[in-house]
PDB file of N, CA and C in Angstrom:
ATOM      1  N   MET A   1      23.545  47.022  15.955  1.00  0.00           N
ATOM      2  CA  MET A   1      23.251  47.737  17.164  1.00  0.00           C
ATOM      3  C   MET A   1      21.435  47.450  17.575  1.00  0.00           C
ATOM      4  N   SER A   2      21.631  47.894  17.880  1.00  0.00           N
ATOM      5  CA  SER A   2      20.157  47.491  18.274  1.00  0.00           C
ATOM      6  C   SER A   2      19.460  49.302  17.818  1.00  0.00           C
ATOM      7  N   SER A   3      18.103  49.681  17.759  1.00  0.00           N
ATOM      8  CA  SER A   3      17.383  51.030  17.550  1.00  0.00           C
ATOM      9  C   SER A   3      17.168  51.747  19.173  1.00  0.00           C
ATOM     10  N   PRO A   4      17.595  51.949  20.376  1.00  0.00           N
ATOM     11  CA  PRO A   4      17.240  52.163  21.208  1.00  0.00           C
ATOM     12  C   PRO A   4      15.143  53.418  20.433  1.00  0.00           C
ATOM     13  N   PRO A   5      14.520  53.526  21.682  1.00  0.00           N
ATOM     14  CA  PRO A   5      13.387  54.610  21.903  1.00  0.00           C
ATOM     15  C   PRO A   5      13.853  55.666  21.508  1.00  0.00           C
ATOM     16  N   MET A   6      12.955  55.899  20.362  1.00  0.00           N
ATOM     17  CA  MET A   6      12.820  58.076  20.214  1.00  0.00           C
ATOM     18  C   MET A   6      11.411  58.391  20.630  1.00  0.00           C
ATOM     19  N   ARG A   7      11.548  59.327  21.556  1.00  0.00           N
ATOM     20  CA  ARG A   7      10.022  59.916  21.115  1.00  0.00           C
ATOM     21  C   ARG A   7      10.883  62.194  21.181  1.00  0.00           C
ATOM     22  N   VAL A   8       9.784  62.185  19.774  1.00  0.00           N
ATOM     23  CA  VAL A   8       9.172  63.790  19.531  1.00  0.00           C
ATOM     24  C   VAL A   8       8.158  64.611  20.804  1.00  0.00           C
ATOM     25  N   LEU A   9       9.080  65.047  21.927  1.00  0.00           N
ATOM     26  CA  LEU A   9       8.312  65.519  22.000  1.00  0.00           C
ATOM     27  C   LEU A   9       7.440  66.996  22.769  1.00  0.00           C
ATOM     28  N   ALA A  10       5.805  68.055  21.516  1.00  0.00           N
ATOM     29  CA  ALA A  10       6.068  69.131  22.021  1.00  0.00           C
ATOM     30  C   ALA A  10       6.100  70.046  23.426  1.00  0.00           C
ATOM     31  N   HIS A  11       7.546  71.104  22.656  1.00  0.00           N
ATOM     32  CA  HIS A  11       6.992  71.423  23.988  1.00  0.00           C
ATOM     33  C   HIS A  11       7.303  73.690  24.439  1.00  0.00           C
ATOM     34  N   ASP A  12       5.708  74.106  24.766  1.00  0.00           N
ATOM     35  CA  ASP A  12       6.532  75.088  23.667  1.00  0.00           C
ATOM     36  C   ASP A  12       6.290  75.414  22.503  1.00  0.00           C
ATOM     37  N   ALA A  13       7.153  76.494  22.415  1.00  0.00           N
ATOM     38  CA  ALA A  13       6.848  76.923  20.453  1.00  0.00           C
ATOM     39  C   ALA A  13       8.114  75.761  20.581  1.00  0.00           C
ATOM     40  N   SER A  14       8.589  74.727  20.453  1.00  0.00           N
ATOM     41  CA  SER A  14      10.001  73.682  19.849  1.00  0.00           C
ATOM     42  C   SER A  14      10.034  72.585  20.413  1.00  0.00           C
ATOM     43  N   SER A  15      10.519  71.914  20.486  1.00  0.00           N
ATOM     44  CA  SER A  15      10.548  70.018  20.531  1.00  0.00           C
ATOM     45  C   SER A  15      11.462  70.211  21.779  1.00  0.00           C
ATOM     46  N   HIS A  16      11.060  68.447  22.402  1.00  0.00           N
ATOM     47  CA  HIS A  16      12.777  67.366  23.021  1.00  0.00           C
ATOM     48  C   HIS A  16      12.564  65.710  22.262  1.00  0.00           C
ATOM     49  N   ALA A  17      13.778  66.211  21.535  1.00  0.00           N
ATOM     50  CA  ALA A  17      13.712  64.922  20.654  1.00  0.00           C
ATOM     51  C   ALA A  17      14.824  64.081  21.684  1.00  0.00           C
ATOM     52  N   VAL A  18      13.371  62.428  22.807  1.00  0.00           N
ATOM     53  CA  VAL A  18      14.175  61.870  23.681  1.00  0.00           C
ATOM     54  C   VAL A  18      14.485  60.765  23.679  1.00  0.00           C
ATOM     55  N   ILE A  19      15.690  60.256  23.407  1.00  0.00           N
ATOM     56  CA  ILE A  19      15.775  59.475  23.401  1.00  0.00           C
ATOM     57  C   ILE A  19      17.262  58.114  24.453  1.00  0.00           C
ATOM     58  N   ALA A  20      16.339  56.800  24.423  1.00  0.00           N
ATOM     59  CA  ALA A  20      16.753  55.795  26.015  1.00  0.00           C
ATOM     60  C   ALA A  20      17.586  54.976  25.629  1.00  0.00           C
ATOM     61  N   LEU A  21      18.083  55.121  26.415  1.00  0.00           N
ATOM     62  CA  LEU A  21      19.592  54.022  26.385  1.00  0.00           C
ATOM     63  C   LEU A  21      20.137  53.201  27.348  1.00  0.00           C
ATOM     64  N   PHE A  22      19.864  51.430  26.991  1.00  0.00           N
ATOM     65  CA  PHE A  22      19.190  50.244  28.274  1.00  0.00           C
ATOM     66  C   PHE A  22      20.316  49.988  27.547  1.00  0.00           C
ATOM     67  N   ARG A  23      21.121  49.660  29.316  1.00  0.00           N
ATOM     68  CA  ARG A  23      23.090  48.391  28.914  1.00  0.00           C
ATOM     69  C   ARG A  23      22.090  47.414  29.168  1.00  0.00           C
ATOM     70  N   LEU A  24      22.352  46.714  28.337  1.00  0.00           N
ATOM     71  CA  LEU A  24      21.843  45.062  28.088  1.00  0.00           C
ATOM     72  C   LEU A  24      22.458  43.909  29.171  1.00  0.00           C
ATOM     73  N   PRO A  25      22.145  43.052  29.615  1.00  0.00           N
ATOM     74  CA  PRO A  25      22.739  42.123  30.162  1.00  0.00           C
ATOM     75  C   PRO A  25      23.876  41.469  29.020  1.00  0.00           C
ATOM     76  N   GLY A  26      24.823  41.553  29.061  1.00  0.00           N
ATOM     77  CA  GLY A  26      25.993  41.388  28.265  1.00  0.00           C
ATOM     78  C   GLY A  26      26.908  42.061  28.098  1.00  0.00           C
ATOM     79  N   MET A  27      26.398  43.382  28.662  1.00  0.00           N
ATOM     80  CA  MET A  27      26.558  44.427  26.771  1.00  0.00           C
ATOM     81  C   MET A  27      28.431  44.644  27.566  1.00  0.00           C
ATOM     82  N   ASP A  28      29.484  44.851  27.154  1.00  0.00           N
ATOM     83  CA  ASP A  28      30.286  45.571  27.250  1.00  0.00           C
ATOM     84  C   ASP A  28      30.518  47.348  27.434  1.00  0.00           C
ATOM     85  N   ASP A  29      32.137  47.629  27.732  1.00  0.00           N
ATOM     86  CA  ASP A  29      31.452  49.156  27.411  1.00  0.00           C
ATOM     87  C   ASP A  29      31.842  49.553  26.638  1.00  0.00           C
ATOM     88  N   ALA A  30      32.817  49.113  25.762  1.00  0.00           N
ATOM     89  CA  ALA A  30      33.438  49.618  24.373  1.00  0.00           C
ATOM     90  C   ALA A  30      31.611  49.292  23.112  1.00  0.00           C
ATOM     91  N   LEU A  31      30.679  48.308  23.373  1.00  0.00           N
ATOM     92  CA  LEU A  31      29.267  48.340  23.207  1.00  0.00           C
ATOM     93  C   LEU A  31      28.985  48.947  23.764  1.00  0.00           C
ATOM     94  N   PHE A  32      28.587  49.723  24.983  1.00  0.00           N
ATOM     95  CA  PHE A  32      27.046  50.236  25.869  1.00  0.00           C
ATOM     96  C   PHE A  32      28.481  52.579  24.427  1.00  0.00           C
ATOM     97  N   GLN A  33      29.585  52.682  24.904  1.00  0.00           N
ATOM     98  CA  GLN A  33      29.671  53.374  24.511  1.00  0.00           C
ATOM     99  C   GLN A  33      29.953  53.572  23.047  1.00  0.00           C
ATOM    100  N   ALA A  34      30.117  52.776  21.656  1.00  0.00           N
ATOM    101  CA  ALA A  34      29.711  52.948  20.205  1.00  0.00           C
ATOM    102  C   ALA A  34      27.652  53.529  20.565  1.00  0.00           C
ATOM    103  N   GLU A  35      27.381  52.777  21.091  1.00  0.00           N
ATOM    104  CA  GLU A  35      26.219  53.147  21.408  1.00  0.00           C
ATOM    105  C   GLU A  35      25.567  54.095  21.199  1.00  0.00           C
ATOM    106  N   ALA A  36      26.063  55.143  23.061  1.00  0.00           N
ATOM    107  CA  ALA A  36      26.334  56.595  23.245  1.00  0.00           C
ATOM    108  C   ALA A  36      26.606  57.357  21.879  1.00  0.00           C
ATOM    109  N   SER A  37      27.886  57.522  21.746  1.00  0.00           N
ATOM    110  CA  SER A  37      27.899  57.186  20.562  1.00  0.00           C
ATOM    111  C   SER A  37      27.292  57.936  19.355  1.00  0.00           C
ATOM    112  N   GLN A  38      27.631  56.347  18.743  1.00  0.00           N
ATOM    113  CA  GLN A  38      26.150  56.301  17.475  1.00  0.00           C
ATOM    114  C   GLN A  38      24.661  57.492  18.011  1.00  0.00           C
ATOM    115  N   ILE A  39      24.764  57.811  19.099  1.00  0.00           N
ATOM    116  CA  ILE A  39      22.904  58.565  19.718  1.00  0.00           C
ATOM    117  C   ILE A  39      23.451  60.118  19.682  1.00  0.00           C
ATOM    118  N   LEU A  40      23.980  60.193  20.241  1.00  0.00           N
ATOM    119  CA  LEU A  40      24.618  61.585  20.420  1.00  0.00           C
ATOM    120  C   LEU A  40      25.155  61.843  18.562  1.00  0.00           C
ATOM    121  N   SER A  41      25.857  61.057  17.751  1.00  0.00           N
ATOM    122  CA  SER A  41      25.954  61.394  16.505  1.00  0.00           C
ATOM    123  C   SER A  41      24.853  61.666  15.726  1.00  0.00           C
ATOM    124  N   ASP A  42      23.266  61.032  15.668  1.00  0.00           N
ATOM    125  CA  ASP A  42      22.629  61.050  15.117  1.00  0.00           C
ATOM    126  C   ASP A  42      21.936  62.362  16.053  1.00  0.00           C
ATOM    127  N   LEU A  43      22.027  62.701  17.135  1.00  0.00           N
ATOM    128  CA  LEU A  43      21.722  63.583  17.550  1.00  0.00           C
ATOM    129  C   LEU A  43      21.976  65.004  17.065  1.00  0.00           C
ATOM    130  N   LEU A  44      23.034  65.061  17.109  1.00  0.00           N
ATOM    131  CA  LEU A  44      23.750  66.182  16.596  1.00  0.00           C
ATOM    132  C   LEU A  44      23.394  66.331  14.799  1.00  0.00           C
ATOM    133  N   GLU A  45      23.108  65.051  13.927  1.00  0.00           N
ATOM    134  CA  GLU A  45      22.804  65.173  12.544  1.00  0.00           C
ATOM    135  C   GLU A  45      21.147  65.838  12.461  1.00  0.00           C
ATOM    136  N   LEU A  46      20.904  65.576  13.360  1.00  0.00           N
ATOM    137  CA  LEU A  46      18.941  65.928  14.000  1.00  0.00           C
ATOM    138  C   LEU A  46      19.027  67.137  13.414  1.00  0.00           C
ATOM    139  N   ARG A  47      19.842  67.965  14.639  1.00  0.00           N
ATOM    140  CA  ARG A  47      19.600  70.017  14.781  1.00  0.00           C
ATOM    141  C   ARG A  47      20.259  70.805  13.720  1.00  0.00           C
ATOM    142  N   ARG A  48      21.344  69.985  13.115  1.00  0.00           N
ATOM    143  CA  ARG A  48      21.993  70.652  12.405  1.00  0.00           C
ATOM    144  C   ARG A  48      21.715  70.570  10.958  1.00  0.00           C
ATOM    145  N   ARG A  49      20.108  69.734  11.304  1.00  0.00           N
ATOM    146  CA  ARG A  49      19.166  69.505  10.295  1.00  0.00           C
ATOM    147  C   ARG A  49      18.238  71.121  10.214  1.00  0.00           C
ATOM    148  N   LEU A  50      16.967  70.376  11.419  1.00  0.00           N
ATOM    149  CA  LEU A  50      16.510  71.277  11.339  1.00  0.00           C
ATOM    150  C   LEU A  50      16.821  72.522  11.905  1.00  0.00           C
ATOM    151  N   GLU A  51      18.414  72.891  12.086  1.00  0.00           N
ATOM    152  CA  GLU A  51      18.514  74.801  12.251  1.00  0.00           C
ATOM    153  C   GLU A  51      18.765  75.177  11.227  1.00  0.00           C
ATOM    154  N   SER A  52      19.576  74.396   9.795  1.00  0.00           N
ATOM    155  CA  SER A  52      19.461  74.838   8.889  1.00  0.00           C
ATOM    156  C   SER A  52      18.614  75.171   7.466  1.00  0.00           C
TER     157      SER A  52
END
């Protein structure tokens, strides 16, 4: 798996984490879903750490 581009943007007193997921040529449904699942897992972990 590749590392999709990520940015953290300031927004008032908080911030937004933005990740771009691209479906590359030849990427099948299973691999695309695996990438999306990993991103969701990473974002949930980031949220857990920031809110604790």
